[in-house]
Each structure stands twice: as structure tokens, then as C-alpha cells.
Amino acid sequence: MNSIRTLTRRSALVSATVAAAFVLAACGSDGDGGTGHEGPHSSPSASADAGQEAHNAQDVAFAQGMVPHHRQALEMARLAAGRSASAEVEDLAARIEKAQDPEITTMTGWLKAWGEEVPQATESMPGMDDHSAHSGMPGMMDGQDMKELEKASGKVFDTMFLTMMVEHHEGAVEMAAAETAKGRYAPAKALADDIATAQNAEITEMNKLLGKD
């Protein structure tokens, strides 16, 4: 199923690239730039207490999965500067980075407090995890996807970025739902709720920019 999904996504990206028919919404996001999920869970302040509060295997899996998932979102977001032709896309990318970077710090703090392994970044891609190692995770792009995005520019980049980030966000929402349903550690469940709320709003925003709304 993974290969079918990947082929389907790539077909969609190729079609969008060749046709260039996806027109980014001219009016942008109607000024609702407040979809970034900044809040009480965006700082590592609670990590010192993480070891004192009950948690379960789902909490660990959530943090260990979401850290590399967020890292890839940051990599995608950082590509927008200098490549995007849309101020709306650049603004969205900046908000994604501003929200998710502190969340990585928070979840890393929990894992350290719990004595659990923190996903490490690869030396070949500073600051980023190996894409192939996490390709089975919901919404994760593989190495070829990322190379294609890095090579793109202008409206082609914007279409690819938005299409890929919608799928990436949908994966994060799926992971957050599992934590909400099965997790035990209250701050992790609260962060999962925040992620789902913010990223669902950003999915709506991105689909509008793609002209799907």
C-alpha cells in the first residue's frame, strides 16, 4: 500500500508540475495567520517534571515518532525561502517552523526525562533524520520526494510544497489521534490535541491556496 500511495502522490505532483494549472488563491489566506500552534506546550518547561508523572508506551511512541516527523516538516518549511513565488506560502512555512521547532524541544525533553531514546539526526543531512528510516510513518516523504521539492522553484515549488505538506499534516493528525486515544501522559495528550487542531486548520488553508476550496 505504501508504494501505491507514493506512486499516486508522485503522479499528482507531476501532473501539477506539468500542467501548472493549480493556481494559488490570489487573495491568500484571508488574513487568518493565526493557525500556528503556539501555546503552553511550545516550551520545554514541563520536561523536568516528565519523569515524575505517569506515562505509557503510547506516550513514548508518540514523542519518538513526532520528533522526526516535525523535523521533516521543518526541512520542507525552510526550503520555501528563496524558492516560493507566494508570500502566503512563505508565511505559512514560517509559521510551521515557529510552531514545530519548540515542540521538538519539548518532546525531546520528555524522552530524556523518561530515559528513552531520542531519535537522532543523520550526519549526511545536518539537523534532519534519515528519510528512509521513517518512510513508513504516516505522511512522511521519502528521499526522492524531498530531492524533487528541493529542485523546484516558483509556482511549481508552491504547488509541490502545499500538496506534500497537506499529506504530511494529515499524517501528523493521525499520529496525534492515536496519542489522544491511547496515551496516558497528560502534557503529551494536550500537545496532541494542539497539533491536531492547528494542523487541521493549516490543511484547510493549504487546500484553499491550491484552489481546492
Protein backbone atom coordinates (compact mmCIF):
# COMPACT_ATOMS: atom_id res chain seq x y z
CA MET A 1 0.00 0.00 0.00
CA ASN A 2 2.91 2.38 0.75
CA SER A 3 4.24 2.06 -2.78
CA ILE A 4 0.77 2.63 -4.25
CA ARG A 5 0.33 5.71 -2.08
CA THR A 6 3.75 7.02 -3.09
CA LEU A 7 3.10 6.46 -6.78
CA THR A 8 -0.28 8.13 -6.51
CA ARG A 9 1.23 11.13 -4.77
CA ARG A 10 4.04 11.42 -7.29
CA SER A 11 1.57 11.21 -10.17
CA ALA A 12 -0.39 14.04 -8.62
CA LEU A 13 2.76 16.10 -8.14
CA VAL A 14 3.93 15.50 -11.69
CA SER A 15 0.52 16.44 -13.08
CA ALA A 16 0.51 19.60 -11.03
CA THR A 17 4.02 20.47 -12.12
CA VAL A 18 3.49 19.91 -15.85
CA ALA A 19 0.09 21.50 -16.10
CA ALA A 20 0.85 24.36 -13.71
CA ALA A 21 -2.91 24.57 -13.50
CA PHE A 22 -3.13 24.72 -9.78
CA VAL A 23 -3.44 28.45 -9.26
CA LEU A 24 -2.64 29.61 -5.78
CA ALA A 25 -5.55 31.55 -4.40
CA ALA A 26 -4.90 35.15 -5.36
CA CYS A 27 -6.27 36.56 -2.18
CA GLY A 28 -4.20 34.31 0.05
CA SER A 29 -5.43 33.06 3.38
CA ASP A 30 -7.91 35.84 4.16
CA GLY A 31 -5.69 37.07 6.93
CA ASP A 32 -6.19 34.17 9.28
CA GLY A 33 -2.50 33.82 10.02
CA GLY A 34 -3.19 32.52 13.49
CA THR A 35 -3.22 28.84 12.73
CA GLY A 36 0.25 28.25 14.17
CA HIS A 37 0.04 26.17 17.31
CA GLU A 38 1.94 28.25 19.80
CA GLY A 39 0.81 27.68 23.34
CA PRO A 40 1.66 26.31 26.73
CA HIS A 41 3.17 23.17 25.18
CA SER A 42 5.61 25.04 22.92
CA SER A 43 8.32 25.28 25.59
CA PRO A 44 10.34 22.58 27.36
CA SER A 45 9.44 23.96 30.80
CA ALA A 46 7.42 20.89 31.76
CA SER A 47 10.11 18.40 30.74
CA ALA A 48 11.77 18.45 34.16
CA ASP A 49 8.58 17.04 35.67
CA ALA A 50 8.04 14.45 32.93
CA GLY A 51 9.81 11.73 34.86
CA GLN A 52 7.53 12.25 37.86
CA GLU A 53 4.20 11.86 36.04
CA ALA A 54 2.82 8.55 34.78
CA HIS A 55 3.29 7.78 31.10
CA ASN A 56 2.88 4.69 28.93
CA ALA A 57 4.32 3.11 25.79
CA GLN A 58 2.00 5.14 23.56
CA ASP A 59 3.37 8.38 25.01
CA VAL A 60 6.89 7.24 24.20
CA ALA A 61 5.91 6.15 20.69
CA PHE A 62 4.16 9.47 20.10
CA ALA A 63 7.21 11.53 21.07
CA GLN A 64 9.69 9.26 19.26
CA GLY A 65 7.56 9.40 16.10
CA MET A 66 6.58 13.05 16.17
CA VAL A 67 10.14 14.33 16.66
CA PRO A 68 11.40 13.10 13.24
CA HIS A 69 8.01 13.90 11.70
CA HIS A 70 8.31 17.52 12.85
CA ARG A 71 11.95 17.64 11.74
CA GLN A 72 10.95 16.79 8.18
CA ALA A 73 8.24 19.46 8.27
CA LEU A 74 10.91 21.97 9.30
CA GLU A 75 13.15 20.88 6.44
CA MET A 76 10.28 21.37 4.00
CA ALA A 77 9.38 24.73 5.51
CA ARG A 78 12.96 26.01 5.33
CA LEU A 79 13.08 25.28 1.60
CA ALA A 80 10.38 27.88 0.96
CA ALA A 81 12.67 30.87 1.42
CA GLY A 82 14.21 31.69 -1.94
CA ARG A 83 12.11 29.13 -3.83
CA SER A 84 8.49 30.12 -3.31
CA ALA A 85 6.70 32.60 -5.56
CA SER A 86 3.95 33.14 -3.00
CA ALA A 87 4.05 35.38 0.07
CA GLU A 88 1.24 33.26 1.53
CA VAL A 89 3.28 30.07 1.19
CA GLU A 90 6.35 31.72 2.72
CA ASP A 91 4.26 32.99 5.63
CA LEU A 92 2.75 29.54 6.19
CA ALA A 93 6.20 27.93 6.11
CA ALA A 94 7.48 30.42 8.68
CA ARG A 95 4.54 29.70 10.99
CA ILE A 96 5.08 25.95 10.69
CA GLU A 97 8.71 26.36 11.67
CA LYS A 98 7.89 28.71 14.55
CA ALA A 99 5.34 26.28 15.98
CA GLN A 100 7.04 22.93 15.46
CA ASP A 101 10.63 23.72 16.42
CA PRO A 102 9.77 24.35 20.11
CA GLU A 103 7.57 21.25 20.14
CA ILE A 104 10.57 19.14 19.12
CA THR A 105 12.45 20.56 22.10
CA THR A 106 9.54 19.77 24.40
CA MET A 107 9.15 16.16 23.23
CA THR A 108 12.91 15.62 23.33
CA GLY A 109 12.86 16.76 26.96
CA TRP A 110 10.15 14.24 27.80
CA LEU A 111 12.07 11.37 26.22
CA LYS A 112 15.24 12.26 28.12
CA ALA A 113 13.31 12.51 31.39
CA TRP A 114 11.77 9.10 30.75
CA GLY A 115 15.14 7.56 29.96
CA GLU A 116 14.02 6.76 26.41
CA GLU A 117 15.94 7.03 23.16
CA VAL A 118 15.75 10.35 21.34
CA PRO A 119 15.66 9.99 17.52
CA GLN A 120 18.96 11.21 16.16
CA ALA A 121 19.61 13.26 13.05
CA THR A 122 21.93 11.92 10.38
CA GLU A 123 25.31 13.49 9.68
CA SER A 124 24.62 13.48 5.95
CA MET A 125 21.71 15.84 6.41
CA PRO A 126 22.52 18.11 9.38
CA GLY A 127 19.61 18.60 11.70
CA MET A 128 17.44 16.07 9.89
CA ASP A 129 16.56 12.41 10.30
CA ASP A 130 17.18 9.83 7.58
CA HIS A 131 14.01 9.87 5.49
CA SER A 132 14.24 6.19 4.58
CA ALA A 133 14.28 5.19 8.23
CA HIS A 134 10.88 6.79 8.77
CA SER A 135 9.27 6.33 5.35
CA GLY A 136 6.57 4.08 6.78
CA MET A 137 5.36 6.78 9.17
CA PRO A 138 2.04 8.47 8.24
CA GLY A 139 2.59 11.42 5.94
CA MET A 140 6.38 11.15 5.71
CA MET A 141 8.03 11.96 2.40
CA ASP A 142 10.80 9.74 1.11
CA GLY A 143 14.21 10.91 -0.04
CA GLN A 144 13.18 11.25 -3.70
CA ASP A 145 10.19 13.41 -2.75
CA MET A 146 12.47 15.74 -0.82
CA LYS A 147 15.01 15.96 -3.66
CA GLU A 148 12.25 16.90 -6.10
CA LEU A 149 10.96 19.59 -3.77
CA GLU A 150 14.46 20.98 -3.27
CA LYS A 151 14.98 21.28 -7.03
CA ALA A 152 11.67 23.07 -7.65
CA SER A 153 11.09 26.81 -7.64
CA GLY A 154 8.38 29.38 -8.21
CA LYS A 155 4.79 28.26 -8.66
CA VAL A 156 5.92 24.69 -9.26
CA PHE A 157 7.56 24.67 -5.83
CA ASP A 158 4.47 26.18 -4.22
CA THR A 159 2.19 23.52 -5.66
CA MET A 160 4.53 20.70 -4.66
CA PHE A 161 5.11 22.15 -1.20
CA LEU A 162 1.42 22.56 -0.45
CA THR A 163 0.47 19.15 -1.86
CA MET A 164 3.19 17.40 0.13
CA MET A 165 2.59 19.37 3.32
CA VAL A 166 -1.13 18.56 3.26
CA GLU A 167 -0.26 14.88 3.25
CA HIS A 168 2.41 15.42 5.89
CA HIS A 169 -0.06 17.23 8.16
CA GLU A 170 -2.68 14.52 7.66
CA GLY A 171 -0.12 12.02 8.91
CA ALA A 172 0.60 14.13 11.98
CA VAL A 173 -3.12 14.41 12.73
CA GLU A 174 -3.38 10.62 12.53
CA MET A 175 -0.48 10.21 14.95
CA ALA A 176 -1.98 12.80 17.30
CA ALA A 177 -5.31 10.97 17.30
CA ALA A 178 -3.58 7.77 18.45
CA GLU A 179 -1.96 9.65 21.32
CA THR A 180 -5.23 11.26 22.37
CA ALA A 181 -6.97 7.89 22.38
CA LYS A 182 -4.27 5.73 23.97
CA GLY A 183 -1.76 7.99 25.72
CA ARG A 184 -1.51 8.47 29.47
CA TYR A 185 0.83 11.42 29.98
CA ALA A 186 -1.41 14.49 30.22
CA PRO A 187 1.01 17.03 28.65
CA ALA A 188 1.57 14.71 25.67
CA LYS A 189 -2.17 14.23 25.17
CA ALA A 190 -2.66 18.01 25.38
CA LEU A 191 0.10 18.60 22.83
CA ALA A 192 -1.51 16.02 20.54
CA ASP A 193 -4.78 17.94 20.74
CA ASP A 194 -2.95 21.17 19.90
CA ILE A 195 -1.21 19.56 16.91
CA ALA A 196 -4.46 18.15 15.54
CA THR A 197 -6.30 21.46 15.90
CA ALA A 198 -3.55 23.58 14.36
CA GLN A 199 -2.66 21.24 11.54
CA ASN A 200 -6.28 20.61 10.54
CA ALA A 201 -6.64 24.39 10.24
CA GLU A 202 -3.46 24.57 8.14
CA ILE A 203 -4.72 21.75 5.90
CA THR A 204 -7.82 23.84 5.19
CA GLU A 205 -5.62 26.87 4.48
CA MET A 206 -3.33 24.92 2.14
CA ASN A 207 -6.21 23.37 0.21
CA LYS A 208 -7.60 26.88 -0.28
CA LEU A 209 -4.24 28.04 -1.64
CA LEU A 210 -4.30 25.07 -4.02
CA GLY A 211 -7.70 26.19 -5.27
CA LYS A 212 -9.45 23.14 -3.81
CA ASP A 213 -11.77 25.09 -1.56
